[in-house]
Amino acid sequence: MNKQHNHIYDLCKEHMHSYVMAEMVDGTTVDGIVTGLDEEYVYFALPLEQAEHRGVPVEGPNDRQFGYGGGHGYGHGPSHGYGGYPGFGGPPRRFRRLVLPLAALATLSLLPWY
């Protein structure tokens, strides 16, 4: 790892489970909660409204949340309640997962929750 990569990795580790503003090397920004980190990627939970406005697909191959977006099984088709079984509805989804390469991050800033 180079010095910049180490610095970004340390910032992400320090702000794990915090609400942050991430600025990419191309100048774009994303705000969300840091939910995970490894040597190559940082994982975020974005507020769903933000994810929709930034063009991040609302449904995707990594949607495996039982009961949220049920349909005819787990995570397929229209929502019909828990795991696709009518009458067992769950709360609406509020966050969307976003995975970014650490090399794409320029800086990370802590944001207040309110």
N, C-alpha and C. Protein backbone atom coordinates (compact mmCIF):
# COMPACT_ATOMS: atom_id res chain seq x y z
N MET A 1 0.83 -1.19 0.00
CA MET A 1 0.00 0.00 0.00
C MET A 1 0.88 1.25 0.00
N ASN A 2 0.42 2.26 -0.77
CA ASN A 2 1.16 3.51 -0.75
C ASN A 2 0.67 4.40 0.39
N LYS A 3 1.31 5.53 0.58
CA LYS A 3 1.01 6.41 1.71
C LYS A 3 -0.43 6.93 1.66
N GLN A 4 -0.91 7.37 0.47
CA GLN A 4 -2.28 7.88 0.33
C GLN A 4 -3.29 6.78 0.63
N HIS A 5 -3.03 5.57 0.12
CA HIS A 5 -3.93 4.43 0.35
C HIS A 5 -4.01 4.13 1.85
N ASN A 6 -2.87 4.14 2.53
CA ASN A 6 -2.84 3.91 3.98
C ASN A 6 -3.64 4.97 4.73
N HIS A 7 -3.50 6.23 4.30
CA HIS A 7 -4.21 7.33 4.96
C HIS A 7 -5.73 7.16 4.81
N ILE A 8 -6.21 6.87 3.61
CA ILE A 8 -7.64 6.68 3.37
C ILE A 8 -8.14 5.46 4.13
N TYR A 9 -7.38 4.38 4.12
CA TYR A 9 -7.76 3.17 4.85
C TYR A 9 -7.92 3.49 6.35
N ASP A 10 -6.95 4.23 6.91
CA ASP A 10 -7.01 4.59 8.33
C ASP A 10 -8.21 5.49 8.64
N LEU A 11 -8.51 6.44 7.73
CA LEU A 11 -9.68 7.30 7.91
C LEU A 11 -10.97 6.48 7.93
N CYS A 12 -11.10 5.55 6.98
CA CYS A 12 -12.29 4.70 6.91
C CYS A 12 -12.41 3.84 8.17
N LYS A 13 -11.29 3.29 8.63
CA LYS A 13 -11.29 2.46 9.83
C LYS A 13 -11.69 3.28 11.06
N GLU A 14 -11.16 4.50 11.14
CA GLU A 14 -11.48 5.38 12.26
C GLU A 14 -12.96 5.77 12.29
N HIS A 15 -13.57 5.89 11.10
CA HIS A 15 -14.96 6.33 11.00
C HIS A 15 -15.93 5.18 10.71
N MET A 16 -15.53 3.96 11.02
CA MET A 16 -16.41 2.81 10.84
C MET A 16 -17.71 3.03 11.60
N HIS A 17 -18.83 2.76 10.95
CA HIS A 17 -20.19 2.90 11.50
C HIS A 17 -20.56 4.35 11.78
N SER A 18 -19.87 5.30 11.14
CA SER A 18 -20.17 6.72 11.28
C SER A 18 -20.78 7.25 9.98
N TYR A 19 -21.52 8.34 10.11
CA TYR A 19 -22.10 9.01 8.96
C TYR A 19 -21.05 9.97 8.42
N VAL A 20 -20.64 9.79 7.16
CA VAL A 20 -19.53 10.55 6.60
C VAL A 20 -19.87 11.09 5.22
N MET A 21 -19.07 12.06 4.79
CA MET A 21 -19.07 12.56 3.41
C MET A 21 -17.78 12.06 2.79
N ALA A 22 -17.91 11.29 1.71
CA ALA A 22 -16.74 10.78 1.00
C ALA A 22 -16.58 11.56 -0.30
N GLU A 23 -15.38 12.09 -0.52
CA GLU A 23 -15.10 12.78 -1.77
C GLU A 23 -14.16 11.90 -2.60
N MET A 24 -14.54 11.69 -3.85
CA MET A 24 -13.75 10.87 -4.76
C MET A 24 -12.68 11.71 -5.45
N VAL A 25 -11.72 11.05 -6.05
CA VAL A 25 -10.64 11.77 -6.73
C VAL A 25 -11.16 12.56 -7.93
N ASP A 26 -12.33 12.19 -8.48
CA ASP A 26 -12.91 12.94 -9.60
C ASP A 26 -13.77 14.11 -9.13
N GLY A 27 -13.86 14.34 -7.80
CA GLY A 27 -14.60 15.46 -7.25
C GLY A 27 -16.03 15.17 -6.84
N THR A 28 -16.57 14.01 -7.21
CA THR A 28 -17.93 13.67 -6.79
C THR A 28 -17.95 13.34 -5.31
N THR A 29 -19.11 13.51 -4.69
CA THR A 29 -19.25 13.23 -3.27
C THR A 29 -20.42 12.30 -3.01
N VAL A 30 -20.31 11.56 -1.93
CA VAL A 30 -21.36 10.64 -1.48
C VAL A 30 -21.39 10.74 0.03
N ASP A 31 -22.60 10.81 0.61
CA ASP A 31 -22.65 10.73 2.06
C ASP A 31 -23.43 9.49 2.46
N GLY A 32 -22.93 8.83 3.50
CA GLY A 32 -23.53 7.60 3.98
C GLY A 32 -22.78 7.08 5.20
N ILE A 33 -23.15 5.88 5.60
CA ILE A 33 -22.57 5.24 6.78
C ILE A 33 -21.53 4.22 6.32
N VAL A 34 -20.32 4.30 6.87
CA VAL A 34 -19.28 3.32 6.56
C VAL A 34 -19.65 2.03 7.29
N THR A 35 -19.91 0.96 6.54
CA THR A 35 -20.35 -0.30 7.14
C THR A 35 -19.31 -1.40 7.07
N GLY A 36 -18.30 -1.23 6.23
CA GLY A 36 -17.29 -2.26 6.11
C GLY A 36 -16.05 -1.74 5.41
N LEU A 37 -14.98 -2.50 5.53
CA LEU A 37 -13.69 -2.08 4.98
C LEU A 37 -12.81 -3.30 4.81
N ASP A 38 -12.10 -3.36 3.68
CA ASP A 38 -11.05 -4.35 3.51
C ASP A 38 -9.87 -3.66 2.82
N GLU A 39 -8.89 -4.40 2.39
CA GLU A 39 -7.68 -3.81 1.81
C GLU A 39 -7.93 -3.07 0.50
N GLU A 40 -9.03 -3.37 -0.20
CA GLU A 40 -9.29 -2.76 -1.50
C GLU A 40 -10.54 -1.90 -1.57
N TYR A 41 -11.55 -2.18 -0.73
CA TYR A 41 -12.86 -1.54 -0.86
C TYR A 41 -13.36 -1.00 0.47
N VAL A 42 -14.22 0.02 0.36
CA VAL A 42 -14.96 0.53 1.51
C VAL A 42 -16.45 0.36 1.17
N TYR A 43 -17.22 -0.05 2.15
CA TYR A 43 -18.63 -0.36 1.97
C TYR A 43 -19.47 0.67 2.71
N PHE A 44 -20.48 1.21 2.01
CA PHE A 44 -21.35 2.24 2.56
C PHE A 44 -22.80 1.80 2.57
N ALA A 45 -23.57 2.35 3.49
CA ALA A 45 -25.02 2.30 3.46
C ALA A 45 -25.46 3.73 3.14
N LEU A 46 -26.06 3.92 1.96
CA LEU A 46 -26.53 5.24 1.55
C LEU A 46 -28.01 5.37 1.87
N PRO A 47 -28.43 6.54 2.35
CA PRO A 47 -29.86 6.74 2.50
C PRO A 47 -30.53 6.50 1.15
N LEU A 48 -31.64 5.79 1.12
CA LEU A 48 -32.26 5.36 -0.12
C LEU A 48 -32.58 6.52 -1.05
N GLU A 49 -33.05 7.65 -0.52
CA GLU A 49 -33.36 8.79 -1.37
C GLU A 49 -32.12 9.26 -2.11
N GLN A 50 -30.98 9.29 -1.44
CA GLN A 50 -29.74 9.72 -2.08
C GLN A 50 -29.33 8.73 -3.15
N ALA A 51 -29.44 7.45 -2.87
CA ALA A 51 -29.07 6.43 -3.84
C ALA A 51 -29.91 6.56 -5.10
N GLU A 52 -31.20 6.83 -4.95
CA GLU A 52 -32.08 6.98 -6.10
C GLU A 52 -31.69 8.20 -6.93
N HIS A 53 -31.34 9.32 -6.27
CA HIS A 53 -30.99 10.53 -6.98
C HIS A 53 -29.63 10.43 -7.67
N ARG A 54 -28.75 9.60 -7.17
CA ARG A 54 -27.43 9.47 -7.77
C ARG A 54 -27.38 8.40 -8.86
N GLY A 55 -28.52 7.79 -9.17
CA GLY A 55 -28.57 6.81 -10.24
C GLY A 55 -28.17 5.41 -9.82
N VAL A 56 -27.99 5.18 -8.52
CA VAL A 56 -27.68 3.83 -8.05
C VAL A 56 -28.95 3.01 -8.15
N PRO A 57 -28.94 1.85 -8.83
CA PRO A 57 -30.16 1.06 -8.96
C PRO A 57 -30.74 0.69 -7.61
N VAL A 58 -32.06 0.76 -7.50
CA VAL A 58 -32.72 0.45 -6.24
C VAL A 58 -32.77 -1.05 -6.01
N GLU A 59 -32.94 -1.84 -7.04
CA GLU A 59 -32.92 -3.29 -6.94
C GLU A 59 -31.69 -3.80 -7.67
N GLY A 60 -31.07 -4.82 -7.17
CA GLY A 60 -29.88 -5.36 -7.81
C GLY A 60 -29.59 -6.76 -7.36
N PRO A 61 -28.50 -7.35 -7.87
CA PRO A 61 -28.19 -8.74 -7.56
C PRO A 61 -27.79 -8.97 -6.11
N ASN A 62 -27.40 -7.91 -5.38
CA ASN A 62 -26.99 -8.08 -3.98
C ASN A 62 -28.12 -7.86 -3.00
N ASP A 63 -29.36 -7.72 -3.50
CA ASP A 63 -30.51 -7.51 -2.62
C ASP A 63 -30.98 -8.84 -2.07
N ARG A 64 -30.54 -9.16 -0.87
CA ARG A 64 -30.89 -10.42 -0.24
C ARG A 64 -31.47 -10.17 1.14
N GLN A 65 -32.25 -9.13 1.25
CA GLN A 65 -32.85 -8.77 2.52
C GLN A 65 -34.19 -9.46 2.62
N PHE A 66 -34.29 -10.45 3.46
CA PHE A 66 -35.53 -11.21 3.61
C PHE A 66 -36.63 -10.30 4.10
N GLY A 67 -37.73 -10.28 3.34
CA GLY A 67 -38.89 -9.52 3.75
C GLY A 67 -38.97 -8.12 3.19
N TYR A 68 -37.92 -7.64 2.58
CA TYR A 68 -37.93 -6.29 2.03
C TYR A 68 -37.79 -6.40 0.52
N GLY A 69 -38.88 -6.30 -0.19
CA GLY A 69 -38.86 -6.47 -1.64
C GLY A 69 -39.16 -7.90 -1.98
N GLY A 70 -39.93 -8.57 -1.17
CA GLY A 70 -40.22 -10.00 -1.26
C GLY A 70 -40.59 -10.52 -2.61
N GLY A 71 -41.84 -10.44 -3.02
CA GLY A 71 -42.27 -10.99 -4.29
C GLY A 71 -42.63 -12.44 -4.16
N HIS A 72 -42.21 -13.25 -5.10
CA HIS A 72 -42.58 -14.66 -5.14
C HIS A 72 -41.54 -15.54 -4.48
N GLY A 73 -40.78 -15.01 -3.61
CA GLY A 73 -39.71 -15.72 -2.91
C GLY A 73 -38.94 -14.68 -2.13
N TYR A 74 -37.66 -14.80 -2.12
CA TYR A 74 -36.84 -13.87 -1.35
C TYR A 74 -36.14 -12.89 -2.29
N GLY A 75 -36.62 -11.64 -2.30
CA GLY A 75 -35.96 -10.58 -3.06
C GLY A 75 -36.29 -10.55 -4.53
N HIS A 76 -37.42 -11.13 -4.97
CA HIS A 76 -37.77 -11.12 -6.39
C HIS A 76 -39.18 -10.59 -6.58
N GLY A 77 -39.37 -9.72 -7.58
CA GLY A 77 -40.70 -9.25 -7.93
C GLY A 77 -41.25 -8.24 -6.95
N PRO A 78 -42.54 -7.92 -7.08
CA PRO A 78 -43.14 -6.92 -6.21
C PRO A 78 -43.25 -7.42 -4.78
N SER A 79 -43.28 -6.47 -3.86
CA SER A 79 -43.33 -6.83 -2.45
C SER A 79 -44.72 -7.31 -2.05
N HIS A 80 -44.79 -8.47 -1.45
CA HIS A 80 -46.04 -9.03 -0.95
C HIS A 80 -45.92 -9.41 0.51
N GLY A 81 -44.96 -8.81 1.21
CA GLY A 81 -44.79 -9.12 2.62
C GLY A 81 -43.51 -9.87 2.87
N TYR A 82 -43.40 -10.43 4.05
CA TYR A 82 -42.17 -11.11 4.47
C TYR A 82 -41.87 -12.30 3.58
N GLY A 83 -40.74 -12.22 2.86
CA GLY A 83 -40.31 -13.34 2.02
C GLY A 83 -41.32 -13.71 0.96
N GLY A 84 -42.20 -12.80 0.58
CA GLY A 84 -43.16 -13.08 -0.45
C GLY A 84 -44.45 -13.68 0.07
N TYR A 85 -44.59 -13.78 1.38
CA TYR A 85 -45.80 -14.35 1.96
C TYR A 85 -46.71 -13.22 2.43
N PRO A 86 -47.93 -13.13 1.87
CA PRO A 86 -48.84 -12.04 2.23
C PRO A 86 -49.10 -12.00 3.74
N GLY A 87 -49.26 -10.79 4.26
CA GLY A 87 -49.60 -10.62 5.66
C GLY A 87 -48.43 -10.49 6.60
N PHE A 88 -47.21 -10.65 6.12
CA PHE A 88 -46.03 -10.55 6.98
C PHE A 88 -45.12 -9.44 6.49
N GLY A 89 -45.67 -8.25 6.31
CA GLY A 89 -44.89 -7.13 5.78
C GLY A 89 -43.83 -6.66 6.75
N GLY A 90 -42.76 -6.10 6.21
CA GLY A 90 -41.70 -5.56 7.03
C GLY A 90 -41.59 -4.07 6.79
N PRO A 91 -40.70 -3.42 7.51
CA PRO A 91 -40.52 -1.98 7.32
C PRO A 91 -39.92 -1.69 5.95
N PRO A 92 -40.17 -0.51 5.41
CA PRO A 92 -39.59 -0.17 4.11
C PRO A 92 -38.07 -0.04 4.21
N ARG A 93 -37.38 -0.31 3.12
CA ARG A 93 -35.93 -0.17 3.09
C ARG A 93 -35.56 1.30 3.16
N ARG A 94 -34.53 1.60 3.91
CA ARG A 94 -34.10 2.98 4.07
C ARG A 94 -32.67 3.22 3.57
N PHE A 95 -31.93 2.16 3.31
CA PHE A 95 -30.55 2.29 2.89
C PHE A 95 -30.26 1.39 1.70
N ARG A 96 -29.25 1.78 0.94
CA ARG A 96 -28.78 1.05 -0.22
C ARG A 96 -27.28 0.85 -0.08
N ARG A 97 -26.80 -0.32 -0.39
CA ARG A 97 -25.37 -0.63 -0.29
C ARG A 97 -24.60 -0.05 -1.46
N LEU A 98 -23.44 0.51 -1.18
CA LEU A 98 -22.54 1.03 -2.20
C LEU A 98 -21.13 0.59 -1.85
N VAL A 99 -20.42 0.02 -2.81
CA VAL A 99 -19.05 -0.44 -2.62
C VAL A 99 -18.15 0.42 -3.51
N LEU A 100 -17.14 1.05 -2.91
CA LEU A 100 -16.20 1.88 -3.66
C LEU A 100 -14.78 1.40 -3.43
N PRO A 101 -13.95 1.45 -4.48
CA PRO A 101 -12.53 1.12 -4.28
C PRO A 101 -11.86 2.20 -3.44
N LEU A 102 -11.01 1.80 -2.53
CA LEU A 102 -10.29 2.76 -1.70
C LEU A 102 -9.49 3.73 -2.56
N ALA A 103 -8.97 3.26 -3.69
CA ALA A 103 -8.16 4.10 -4.57
C ALA A 103 -8.98 5.25 -5.16
N ALA A 104 -10.31 5.15 -5.18
CA ALA A 104 -11.16 6.20 -5.73
C ALA A 104 -11.44 7.31 -4.73
N LEU A 105 -11.16 7.08 -3.44
CA LEU A 105 -11.44 8.06 -2.40
C LEU A 105 -10.30 9.05 -2.23
N ALA A 106 -10.66 10.34 -2.17
CA ALA A 106 -9.67 11.39 -1.91
C ALA A 106 -9.65 11.76 -0.44
N THR A 107 -10.85 11.87 0.16
CA THR A 107 -10.95 12.25 1.57
C THR A 107 -12.27 11.77 2.16
N LEU A 108 -12.33 11.80 3.47
CA LEU A 108 -13.52 11.37 4.22
C LEU A 108 -13.73 12.37 5.35
N SER A 109 -14.96 12.85 5.51
CA SER A 109 -15.27 13.82 6.57
C SER A 109 -16.45 13.33 7.39
N LEU A 110 -16.35 13.45 8.69
CA LEU A 110 -17.43 13.08 9.59
C LEU A 110 -18.56 14.09 9.49
N LEU A 111 -19.82 13.60 9.40
CA LEU A 111 -21.00 14.46 9.33
C LEU A 111 -21.87 14.24 10.57
N PRO A 112 -22.61 15.29 11.00
CA PRO A 112 -23.56 15.09 12.09
C PRO A 112 -24.77 14.31 11.60
N TRP A 113 -25.45 13.60 12.51
CA TRP A 113 -26.63 12.82 12.16
C TRP A 113 -27.86 13.69 11.96
N TYR A 114 -27.90 14.86 12.48
CA TYR A 114 -29.09 15.71 12.41
C TYR A 114 -29.02 16.70 11.29
